[in-house]
mmCIF file of all heavy atoms, coordinates in Angstrom:
data_MODEL
# 
_entry.id   MODEL 
# 
loop_
_atom_site.group_PDB 
_atom_site.id 
_atom_site.type_symbol 
_atom_site.label_atom_id 
_atom_site.label_alt_id 
_atom_site.label_comp_id 
_atom_site.label_asym_id 
_atom_site.label_entity_id 
_atom_site.label_seq_id 
_atom_site.pdbx_PDB_ins_code 
_atom_site.Cartn_x 
_atom_site.Cartn_y 
_atom_site.Cartn_z 
_atom_site.occupancy 
_atom_site.B_iso_or_equiv 
_atom_site.pdbx_formal_charge 
_atom_site.auth_seq_id 
_atom_site.auth_comp_id 
_atom_site.auth_asym_id 
_atom_site.auth_atom_id 
_atom_site.pdbx_PDB_model_num 
ATOM 1   N N   . ALA A 1 1  ? 69.193 176.144 -223.339 1.00 0.00 ? 1  ALA A N   1 
ATOM 2   C CA  . ALA A 1 1  ? 70.639 176.389 -223.468 1.00 0.00 ? 1  ALA A CA  1 
ATOM 3   C C   . ALA A 1 1  ? 71.426 175.179 -222.980 1.00 0.00 ? 1  ALA A C   1 
ATOM 4   O O   . ALA A 1 1  ? 72.423 174.780 -223.592 1.00 0.00 ? 1  ALA A O   1 
ATOM 5   C CB  . ALA A 1 1  ? 71.025 177.633 -222.675 1.00 0.00 ? 1  ALA A CB  1 
ATOM 6   N N   . LYS A 1 2  ? 70.974 174.581 -221.889 1.00 0.00 ? 2  LYS A N   1 
ATOM 7   C CA  . LYS A 1 2  ? 71.629 173.394 -221.352 1.00 0.00 ? 2  LYS A CA  1 
ATOM 8   C C   . LYS A 1 2  ? 71.562 172.239 -222.339 1.00 0.00 ? 2  LYS A C   1 
ATOM 9   O O   . LYS A 1 2  ? 72.543 171.509 -222.549 1.00 0.00 ? 2  LYS A O   1 
ATOM 10  C CB  . LYS A 1 2  ? 70.969 173.002 -220.028 1.00 0.00 ? 2  LYS A CB  1 
ATOM 11  C CG  . LYS A 1 2  ? 71.624 171.827 -219.317 1.00 0.00 ? 2  LYS A CG  1 
ATOM 12  C CD  . LYS A 1 2  ? 70.935 171.551 -217.984 1.00 0.00 ? 2  LYS A CD  1 
ATOM 13  C CE  . LYS A 1 2  ? 71.617 170.399 -217.248 1.00 0.00 ? 2  LYS A CE  1 
ATOM 14  N NZ  . LYS A 1 2  ? 70.951 170.128 -215.941 1.00 0.00 ? 2  LYS A NZ  1 
ATOM 15  N N   . ILE A 1 3  ? 70.397 172.079 -222.975 1.00 0.00 ? 3  ILE A N   1 
ATOM 16  C CA  . ILE A 1 3  ? 70.210 171.006 -223.951 1.00 0.00 ? 3  ILE A CA  1 
ATOM 17  C C   . ILE A 1 3  ? 71.169 171.163 -225.122 1.00 0.00 ? 3  ILE A C   1 
ATOM 18  O O   . ILE A 1 3  ? 71.866 170.216 -225.515 1.00 0.00 ? 3  ILE A O   1 
ATOM 19  C CB  . ILE A 1 3  ? 68.756 170.993 -224.462 1.00 0.00 ? 3  ILE A CB  1 
ATOM 20  C CG1 . ILE A 1 3  ? 67.823 170.429 -223.393 1.00 0.00 ? 3  ILE A CG1 1 
ATOM 21  C CG2 . ILE A 1 3  ? 68.631 170.194 -225.754 1.00 0.00 ? 3  ILE A CG2 1 
ATOM 22  C CD1 . ILE A 1 3  ? 66.354 170.600 -223.717 1.00 0.00 ? 3  ILE A CD1 1 
ATOM 23  N N   . PHE A 1 4  ? 71.234 172.365 -225.696 1.00 0.00 ? 4  PHE A N   1 
ATOM 24  C CA  . PHE A 1 4  ? 72.053 172.552 -226.885 1.00 0.00 ? 4  PHE A CA  1 
ATOM 25  C C   . PHE A 1 4  ? 73.543 172.556 -226.568 1.00 0.00 ? 4  PHE A C   1 
ATOM 26  O O   . PHE A 1 4  ? 74.354 172.144 -227.405 1.00 0.00 ? 4  PHE A O   1 
ATOM 27  C CB  . PHE A 1 4  ? 71.616 173.809 -227.632 1.00 0.00 ? 4  PHE A CB  1 
ATOM 28  C CG  . PHE A 1 4  ? 70.290 173.648 -228.305 1.00 0.00 ? 4  PHE A CG  1 
ATOM 29  C CD1 . PHE A 1 4  ? 69.162 174.301 -227.826 1.00 0.00 ? 4  PHE A CD1 1 
ATOM 30  C CD2 . PHE A 1 4  ? 70.154 172.808 -229.397 1.00 0.00 ? 4  PHE A CD2 1 
ATOM 31  C CE1 . PHE A 1 4  ? 67.924 174.120 -228.431 1.00 0.00 ? 4  PHE A CE1 1 
ATOM 32  C CE2 . PHE A 1 4  ? 68.933 172.627 -230.012 1.00 0.00 ? 4  PHE A CE2 1 
ATOM 33  C CZ  . PHE A 1 4  ? 67.807 173.277 -229.532 1.00 0.00 ? 4  PHE A CZ  1 
ATOM 34  N N   . ASP A 1 5  ? 73.919 172.993 -225.375 1.00 0.00 ? 5  ASP A N   1 
ATOM 35  C CA  . ASP A 1 5  ? 75.315 172.858 -224.972 1.00 0.00 ? 5  ASP A CA  1 
ATOM 36  C C   . ASP A 1 5  ? 75.687 171.376 -224.859 1.00 0.00 ? 5  ASP A C   1 
ATOM 37  O O   . ASP A 1 5  ? 76.780 170.958 -225.252 1.00 0.00 ? 5  ASP A O   1 
ATOM 38  C CB  . ASP A 1 5  ? 75.554 173.550 -223.623 1.00 0.00 ? 5  ASP A CB  1 
ATOM 39  C CG  . ASP A 1 5  ? 75.822 175.039 -223.771 1.00 0.00 ? 5  ASP A CG  1 
ATOM 40  O OD1 . ASP A 1 5  ? 76.185 175.466 -224.890 1.00 0.00 ? 5  ASP A OD1 1 
ATOM 41  O OD2 . ASP A 1 5  ? 75.659 175.773 -222.788 1.00 0.00 ? 5  ASP A OD2 1 
ATOM 42  N N   . HIS A 1 6  ? 74.757 170.583 -224.317 1.00 0.00 ? 6  HIS A N   1 
ATOM 43  C CA  . HIS A 1 6  ? 75.008 169.145 -224.182 1.00 0.00 ? 6  HIS A CA  1 
ATOM 44  C C   . HIS A 1 6  ? 75.144 168.493 -225.555 1.00 0.00 ? 6  HIS A C   1 
ATOM 45  O O   . HIS A 1 6  ? 76.061 167.690 -225.782 1.00 0.00 ? 6  HIS A O   1 
ATOM 46  C CB  . HIS A 1 6  ? 73.861 168.494 -223.405 1.00 0.00 ? 6  HIS A CB  1 
ATOM 47  C CG  . HIS A 1 6  ? 74.085 167.044 -223.108 1.00 0.00 ? 6  HIS A CG  1 
ATOM 48  N ND1 . HIS A 1 6  ? 74.946 166.609 -222.126 1.00 0.00 ? 6  HIS A ND1 1 
ATOM 49  C CD2 . HIS A 1 6  ? 73.579 165.919 -223.707 1.00 0.00 ? 6  HIS A CD2 1 
ATOM 50  C CE1 . HIS A 1 6  ? 74.958 165.286 -222.106 1.00 0.00 ? 6  HIS A CE1 1 
ATOM 51  N NE2 . HIS A 1 6  ? 74.142 164.839 -223.053 1.00 0.00 ? 6  HIS A NE2 1 
ATOM 52  N N   . ILE A 1 7  ? 74.258 168.844 -226.477 1.00 0.00 ? 7  ILE A N   1 
ATOM 53  C CA  . ILE A 1 7  ? 74.343 168.284 -227.831 1.00 0.00 ? 7  ILE A CA  1 
ATOM 54  C C   . ILE A 1 7  ? 75.655 168.685 -228.489 1.00 0.00 ? 7  ILE A C   1 
ATOM 55  O O   . ILE A 1 7  ? 76.321 167.868 -229.138 1.00 0.00 ? 7  ILE A O   1 
ATOM 56  C CB  . ILE A 1 7  ? 73.148 168.754 -228.689 1.00 0.00 ? 7  ILE A CB  1 
ATOM 57  C CG1 . ILE A 1 7  ? 71.839 168.165 -228.152 1.00 0.00 ? 7  ILE A CG1 1 
ATOM 58  C CG2 . ILE A 1 7  ? 73.344 168.353 -230.149 1.00 0.00 ? 7  ILE A CG2 1 
ATOM 59  C CD1 . ILE A 1 7  ? 70.595 168.709 -228.835 1.00 0.00 ? 7  ILE A CD1 1 
ATOM 60  N N   . GLU A 1 8  ? 76.045 169.958 -228.317 1.00 0.00 ? 8  GLU A N   1 
ATOM 61  C CA  . GLU A 1 8  ? 77.271 170.454 -228.948 1.00 0.00 ? 8  GLU A CA  1 
ATOM 62  C C   . GLU A 1 8  ? 78.502 169.688 -228.474 1.00 0.00 ? 8  GLU A C   1 
ATOM 63  O O   . GLU A 1 8  ? 79.429 169.435 -229.251 1.00 0.00 ? 8  GLU A O   1 
ATOM 64  C CB  . GLU A 1 8  ? 77.438 171.949 -228.658 1.00 0.00 ? 8  GLU A CB  1 
ATOM 65  C CG  . GLU A 1 8  ? 78.561 172.618 -229.396 1.00 0.00 ? 8  GLU A CG  1 
ATOM 66  C CD  . GLU A 1 8  ? 78.410 172.553 -230.904 1.00 0.00 ? 8  GLU A CD  1 
ATOM 67  O OE1 . GLU A 1 8  ? 77.267 172.595 -231.412 1.00 0.00 ? 8  GLU A OE1 1 
ATOM 68  O OE2 . GLU A 1 8  ? 79.447 172.422 -231.586 1.00 0.00 ? 8  GLU A OE2 1 
ATOM 69  N N   . HIS A 1 9  ? 78.510 169.292 -227.213 1.00 0.00 ? 9  HIS A N   1 
ATOM 70  C CA  . HIS A 1 9  ? 79.685 168.614 -226.665 1.00 0.00 ? 9  HIS A CA  1 
ATOM 71  C C   . HIS A 1 9  ? 79.613 167.089 -226.781 1.00 0.00 ? 9  HIS A C   1 
ATOM 72  O O   . HIS A 1 9  ? 80.621 166.403 -226.566 1.00 0.00 ? 9  HIS A O   1 
ATOM 73  C CB  . HIS A 1 9  ? 79.874 169.003 -225.197 1.00 0.00 ? 9  HIS A CB  1 
ATOM 74  C CG  . HIS A 1 9  ? 80.331 170.421 -224.997 1.00 0.00 ? 9  HIS A CG  1 
ATOM 75  N ND1 . HIS A 1 9  ? 79.458 171.456 -224.765 1.00 0.00 ? 9  HIS A ND1 1 
ATOM 76  C CD2 . HIS A 1 9  ? 81.568 170.973 -225.045 1.00 0.00 ? 9  HIS A CD2 1 
ATOM 77  C CE1 . HIS A 1 9  ? 80.136 172.594 -224.661 1.00 0.00 ? 9  HIS A CE1 1 
ATOM 78  N NE2 . HIS A 1 9  ? 81.413 172.322 -224.825 1.00 0.00 ? 9  HIS A NE2 1 
ATOM 79  N N   . HIS A 1 10 ? 78.433 166.557 -227.116 1.00 0.00 ? 10 HIS A N   1 
ATOM 80  C CA  . HIS A 1 10 ? 78.275 165.101 -227.117 1.00 0.00 ? 10 HIS A CA  1 
ATOM 81  C C   . HIS A 1 10 ? 77.602 164.565 -228.378 1.00 0.00 ? 10 HIS A C   1 
ATOM 82  O O   . HIS A 1 10 ? 77.156 163.417 -228.387 1.00 0.00 ? 10 HIS A O   1 
ATOM 83  C CB  . HIS A 1 10 ? 77.458 164.668 -225.892 1.00 0.00 ? 10 HIS A CB  1 
ATOM 84  C CG  . HIS A 1 10 ? 78.089 165.046 -224.582 1.00 0.00 ? 10 HIS A CG  1 
ATOM 85  N ND1 . HIS A 1 10 ? 79.111 164.318 -223.991 1.00 0.00 ? 10 HIS A ND1 1 
ATOM 86  C CD2 . HIS A 1 10 ? 77.845 166.098 -223.744 1.00 0.00 ? 10 HIS A CD2 1 
ATOM 87  C CE1 . HIS A 1 10 ? 79.464 164.898 -222.856 1.00 0.00 ? 10 HIS A CE1 1 
ATOM 88  N NE2 . HIS A 1 10 ? 78.723 165.979 -222.687 1.00 0.00 ? 10 HIS A NE2 1 
ATOM 89  N N   . PHE A 1 11 ? 77.531 165.374 -229.454 1.00 0.00 ? 11 PHE A N   1 
ATOM 90  C CA  . PHE A 1 11 ? 76.790 164.916 -230.640 1.00 0.00 ? 11 PHE A CA  1 
ATOM 91  C C   . PHE A 1 11 ? 77.425 163.691 -231.297 1.00 0.00 ? 11 PHE A C   1 
ATOM 92  O O   . PHE A 1 11 ? 76.765 162.962 -232.035 1.00 0.00 ? 11 PHE A O   1 
ATOM 93  C CB  . PHE A 1 11 ? 76.632 166.038 -231.675 1.00 0.00 ? 11 PHE A CB  1 
ATOM 94  C CG  . PHE A 1 11 ? 77.918 166.561 -232.241 1.00 0.00 ? 11 PHE A CG  1 
ATOM 95  C CD1 . PHE A 1 11 ? 78.585 165.888 -233.258 1.00 0.00 ? 11 PHE A CD1 1 
ATOM 96  C CD2 . PHE A 1 11 ? 78.462 167.749 -231.766 1.00 0.00 ? 11 PHE A CD2 1 
ATOM 97  C CE1 . PHE A 1 11 ? 79.762 166.369 -233.783 1.00 0.00 ? 11 PHE A CE1 1 
ATOM 98  C CE2 . PHE A 1 11 ? 79.642 168.247 -232.293 1.00 0.00 ? 11 PHE A CE2 1 
ATOM 99  C CZ  . PHE A 1 11 ? 80.301 167.554 -233.304 1.00 0.00 ? 11 PHE A CZ  1 
ATOM 100 N N   . ALA A 1 12 ? 78.708 163.440 -231.031 1.00 0.00 ? 12 ALA A N   1 
ATOM 101 C CA  . ALA A 1 12 ? 79.374 162.280 -231.622 1.00 0.00 ? 12 ALA A CA  1 
ATOM 102 C C   . ALA A 1 12 ? 79.114 161.002 -230.828 1.00 0.00 ? 12 ALA A C   1 
ATOM 103 O O   . ALA A 1 12 ? 79.527 159.917 -231.239 1.00 0.00 ? 12 ALA A O   1 
ATOM 104 C CB  . ALA A 1 12 ? 80.871 162.523 -231.719 1.00 0.00 ? 12 ALA A CB  1 
ATOM 105 N N   . GLU A 1 13 ? 78.412 161.136 -229.702 1.00 0.00 ? 13 GLU A N   1 
ATOM 106 C CA  . GLU A 1 13 ? 78.100 159.968 -228.885 1.00 0.00 ? 13 GLU A CA  1 
ATOM 107 C C   . GLU A 1 13 ? 76.710 159.444 -229.244 1.00 0.00 ? 13 GLU A C   1 
ATOM 108 O O   . GLU A 1 13 ? 75.993 160.040 -230.042 1.00 0.00 ? 13 GLU A O   1 
ATOM 109 C CB  . GLU A 1 13 ? 78.177 160.349 -227.396 1.00 0.00 ? 13 GLU A CB  1 
ATOM 110 C CG  . GLU A 1 13 ? 79.555 160.861 -226.988 1.00 0.00 ? 13 GLU A CG  1 
ATOM 111 C CD  . GLU A 1 13 ? 79.566 161.453 -225.587 1.00 0.00 ? 13 GLU A CD  1 
ATOM 112 O OE1 . GLU A 1 13 ? 78.599 161.194 -224.826 1.00 0.00 ? 13 GLU A OE1 1 
ATOM 113 O OE2 . GLU A 1 13 ? 80.514 162.186 -225.272 1.00 0.00 ? 13 GLU A OE2 1 
ATOM 114 N N   . SER A 1 14 ? 76.339 158.348 -228.633 1.00 0.00 ? 14 SER A N   1 
ATOM 115 C CA  . SER A 1 14 ? 75.048 157.728 -228.928 1.00 0.00 ? 14 SER A CA  1 
ATOM 116 C C   . SER A 1 14 ? 73.951 158.393 -228.096 1.00 0.00 ? 14 SER A C   1 
ATOM 117 O O   . SER A 1 14 ? 73.483 157.845 -227.084 1.00 0.00 ? 14 SER A O   1 
ATOM 118 C CB  . SER A 1 14 ? 75.119 156.227 -228.637 1.00 0.00 ? 14 SER A CB  1 
ATOM 119 O OG  . SER A 1 14 ? 73.891 155.605 -228.952 1.00 0.00 ? 14 SER A OG  1 
ATOM 120 N N   . LEU A 1 15 ? 73.551 159.588 -228.518 1.00 0.00 ? 15 LEU A N   1 
ATOM 121 C CA  . LEU A 1 15 ? 72.524 160.332 -227.784 1.00 0.00 ? 15 LEU A CA  1 
ATOM 122 C C   . LEU A 1 15 ? 71.136 159.840 -228.162 1.00 0.00 ? 15 LEU A C   1 
ATOM 123 O O   . LEU A 1 15 ? 70.860 159.557 -229.322 1.00 0.00 ? 15 LEU A O   1 
ATOM 124 C CB  . LEU A 1 15 ? 72.621 161.824 -228.103 1.00 0.00 ? 15 LEU A CB  1 
ATOM 125 C CG  . LEU A 1 15 ? 73.827 162.597 -227.576 1.00 0.00 ? 15 LEU A CG  1 
ATOM 126 C CD1 . LEU A 1 15 ? 73.726 164.053 -227.996 1.00 0.00 ? 15 LEU A CD1 1 
ATOM 127 C CD2 . LEU A 1 15 ? 73.936 162.488 -226.074 1.00 0.00 ? 15 LEU A CD2 1 
ATOM 128 N N   . SER A 1 16 ? 70.266 159.783 -227.176 1.00 0.00 ? 16 SER A N   1 
ATOM 129 C CA  . SER A 1 16 ? 68.874 159.434 -227.453 1.00 0.00 ? 16 SER A CA  1 
ATOM 130 C C   . SER A 1 16 ? 67.976 160.579 -227.050 1.00 0.00 ? 16 SER A C   1 
ATOM 131 O O   . SER A 1 16 ? 68.327 161.404 -226.188 1.00 0.00 ? 16 SER A O   1 
ATOM 132 C CB  . SER A 1 16 ? 68.462 158.175 -226.678 1.00 0.00 ? 16 SER A CB  1 
ATOM 133 O OG  . SER A 1 16 ? 68.381 158.448 -225.283 1.00 0.00 ? 16 SER A OG  1 
ATOM 134 N N   . LEU A 1 17 ? 66.820 160.655 -227.672 1.00 0.00 ? 17 LEU A N   1 
ATOM 135 C CA  . LEU A 1 17 ? 65.850 161.698 -227.346 1.00 0.00 ? 17 LEU A CA  1 
ATOM 136 C C   . LEU A 1 17 ? 65.467 161.630 -225.873 1.00 0.00 ? 17 LEU A C   1 
ATOM 137 O O   . LEU A 1 17 ? 65.387 162.655 -225.179 1.00 0.00 ? 17 LEU A O   1 
ATOM 138 C CB  . LEU A 1 17 ? 64.613 161.532 -228.238 1.00 0.00 ? 17 LEU A CB  1 
ATOM 139 C CG  . LEU A 1 17 ? 63.496 162.575 -228.122 1.00 0.00 ? 17 LEU A CG  1 
ATOM 140 C CD1 . LEU A 1 17 ? 62.783 162.714 -229.464 1.00 0.00 ? 17 LEU A CD1 1 
ATOM 141 C CD2 . LEU A 1 17 ? 62.485 162.203 -227.041 1.00 0.00 ? 17 LEU A CD2 1 
ATOM 142 N N   . GLU A 1 18 ? 65.256 160.412 -225.366 1.00 0.00 ? 18 GLU A N   1 
ATOM 143 C CA  . GLU A 1 18 ? 64.843 160.238 -223.963 1.00 0.00 ? 18 GLU A CA  1 
ATOM 144 C C   . GLU A 1 18 ? 65.928 160.739 -223.008 1.00 0.00 ? 18 GLU A C   1 
ATOM 145 O O   . GLU A 1 18 ? 65.622 161.393 -221.996 1.00 0.00 ? 18 GLU A O   1 
ATOM 146 C CB  . GLU A 1 18 ? 64.552 158.755 -223.698 1.00 0.00 ? 18 GLU A CB  1 
ATOM 147 C CG  . GLU A 1 18 ? 63.301 158.217 -224.374 1.00 0.00 ? 18 GLU A CG  1 
ATOM 148 C CD  . GLU A 1 18 ? 63.521 157.880 -225.852 1.00 0.00 ? 18 GLU A CD  1 
ATOM 149 O OE1 . GLU A 1 18 ? 64.686 157.943 -226.323 1.00 0.00 ? 18 GLU A OE1 1 
ATOM 150 O OE2 . GLU A 1 18 ? 62.535 157.566 -226.524 1.00 0.00 ? 18 GLU A OE2 1 
ATOM 151 N N   . GLU A 1 19 ? 67.188 160.454 -223.332 1.00 0.00 ? 19 GLU A N   1 
ATOM 152 C CA  . GLU A 1 19 ? 68.298 160.880 -222.475 1.00 0.00 ? 19 GLU A CA  1 
ATOM 153 C C   . GLU A 1 19 ? 68.386 162.400 -222.389 1.00 0.00 ? 19 GLU A C   1 
ATOM 154 O O   . GLU A 1 19 ? 68.545 162.966 -221.300 1.00 0.00 ? 19 GLU A O   1 
ATOM 155 C CB  . GLU A 1 19 ? 69.598 160.308 -223.037 1.00 0.00 ? 19 GLU A CB  1 
ATOM 156 C CG  . GLU A 1 19 ? 70.854 160.827 -222.360 1.00 0.00 ? 19 GLU A CG  1 
ATOM 157 C CD  . GLU A 1 19 ? 72.118 160.460 -223.129 1.00 0.00 ? 19 GLU A CD  1 
ATOM 158 O OE1 . GLU A 1 19 ? 72.044 159.583 -224.010 1.00 0.00 ? 19 GLU A OE1 1 
ATOM 159 O OE2 . GLU A 1 19 ? 73.171 161.064 -222.851 1.00 0.00 ? 19 GLU A OE2 1 
ATOM 160 N N   . VAL A 1 20 ? 68.291 163.079 -223.534 1.00 0.00 ? 20 VAL A N   1 
ATOM 161 C CA  . VAL A 1 20 ? 68.421 164.533 -223.550 1.00 0.00 ? 20 VAL A CA  1 
ATOM 162 C C   . VAL A 1 20 ? 67.204 165.187 -222.907 1.00 0.00 ? 20 VAL A C   1 
ATOM 163 O O   . VAL A 1 20 ? 67.324 166.188 -222.199 1.00 0.00 ? 20 VAL A O   1 
ATOM 164 C CB  . VAL A 1 20 ? 68.619 165.037 -224.999 1.00 0.00 ? 20 VAL A CB  1 
ATOM 165 C CG1 . VAL A 1 20 ? 68.703 166.552 -225.032 1.00 0.00 ? 20 VAL A CG1 1 
ATOM 166 C CG2 . VAL A 1 20 ? 69.876 164.427 -225.602 1.00 0.00 ? 20 VAL A CG2 1 
ATOM 167 N N   . ALA A 1 21 ? 66.022 164.620 -223.118 1.00 0.00 ? 21 ALA A N   1 
ATOM 168 C CA  . ALA A 1 21 ? 64.811 165.156 -222.482 1.00 0.00 ? 21 ALA A CA  1 
ATOM 169 C C   . ALA A 1 21 ? 64.922 165.056 -220.967 1.00 0.00 ? 21 ALA A C   1 
ATOM 170 O O   . ALA A 1 21 ? 64.587 165.998 -220.234 1.00 0.00 ? 21 ALA A O   1 
ATOM 171 C CB  . ALA A 1 21 ? 63.586 164.385 -222.973 1.00 0.00 ? 21 ALA A CB  1 
ATOM 172 N N   . GLU A 1 22 ? 65.430 163.943 -220.487 1.00 0.00 ? 22 GLU A N   1 
ATOM 173 C CA  . GLU A 1 22 ? 65.578 163.743 -219.035 1.00 0.00 ? 22 GLU A CA  1 
ATOM 174 C C   . GLU A 1 22 ? 66.583 164.724 -218.448 1.00 0.00 ? 22 GLU A C   1 
ATOM 175 O O   . GLU A 1 22 ? 66.419 165.200 -217.314 1.00 0.00 ? 22 GLU A O   1 
ATOM 176 C CB  . GLU A 1 22 ? 66.021 162.308 -218.762 1.00 0.00 ? 22 GLU A CB  1 
ATOM 177 C CG  . GLU A 1 22 ? 66.101 161.976 -217.285 1.00 0.00 ? 22 GLU A CG  1 
ATOM 178 C CD  . GLU A 1 22 ? 66.494 160.529 -217.028 1.00 0.00 ? 22 GLU A CD  1 
ATOM 179 O OE1 . GLU A 1 22 ? 66.617 159.756 -218.009 1.00 0.00 ? 22 GLU A OE1 1 
ATOM 180 O OE2 . GLU A 1 22 ? 66.703 160.174 -215.854 1.00 0.00 ? 22 GLU A OE2 1 
ATOM 181 N N   . LEU A 1 23 ? 67.619 165.048 -219.221 1.00 0.00 ? 23 LEU A N   1 
ATOM 182 C CA  . LEU A 1 23 ? 68.635 165.999 -218.766 1.00 0.00 ? 23 LEU A CA  1 
ATOM 183 C C   . LEU A 1 23 ? 68.009 167.333 -218.380 1.00 0.00 ? 23 LEU A C   1 
ATOM 184 O O   . LEU A 1 23 ? 68.423 167.982 -217.414 1.00 0.00 ? 23 LEU A O   1 
ATOM 185 C CB  . LEU A 1 23 ? 69.666 166.206 -219.880 1.00 0.00 ? 23 LEU A CB  1 
ATOM 186 C CG  . LEU A 1 23 ? 70.776 167.220 -219.617 1.00 0.00 ? 23 LEU A CG  1 
ATOM 187 C CD1 . LEU A 1 23 ? 71.736 166.680 -218.560 1.00 0.00 ? 23 LEU A CD1 1 
ATOM 188 C CD2 . LEU A 1 23 ? 71.538 167.537 -220.901 1.00 0.00 ? 23 LEU A CD2 1 
ATOM 189 N N   . ALA A 1 24 ? 66.997 167.748 -219.135 1.00 0.00 ? 24 ALA A N   1 
ATOM 190 C CA  . ALA A 1 24 ? 66.338 169.028 -218.877 1.00 0.00 ? 24 ALA A CA  1 
ATOM 191 C C   . ALA A 1 24 ? 65.105 168.885 -217.990 1.00 0.00 ? 24 ALA A C   1 
ATOM 192 O O   . ALA A 1 24 ? 64.450 169.876 -217.670 1.00 0.00 ? 24 ALA A O   1 
ATOM 193 C CB  . ALA A 1 24 ? 65.939 169.675 -220.199 1.00 0.00 ? 24 ALA A CB  1 
ATOM 194 N N   . GLY A 1 25 ? 64.788 167.654 -217.615 1.00 0.00 ? 25 GLY A N   1 
ATOM 195 C CA  . GLY A 1 25 ? 63.620 167.441 -216.777 1.00 0.00 ? 25 GLY A CA  1 
ATOM 196 C C   . GLY A 1 25 ? 62.305 167.473 -217.539 1.00 0.00 ? 25 GLY A C   1 
ATOM 197 O O   . GLY A 1 25 ? 61.250 167.771 -216.974 1.00 0.00 ? 25 GLY A O   1 
# 
């Protein structure tokens, strides 16, 4: 849920797989 909320609010930014994976540990 944390991951998808983050994507929903930041999908227009330069997101990387490594960054989002680290967010969730």
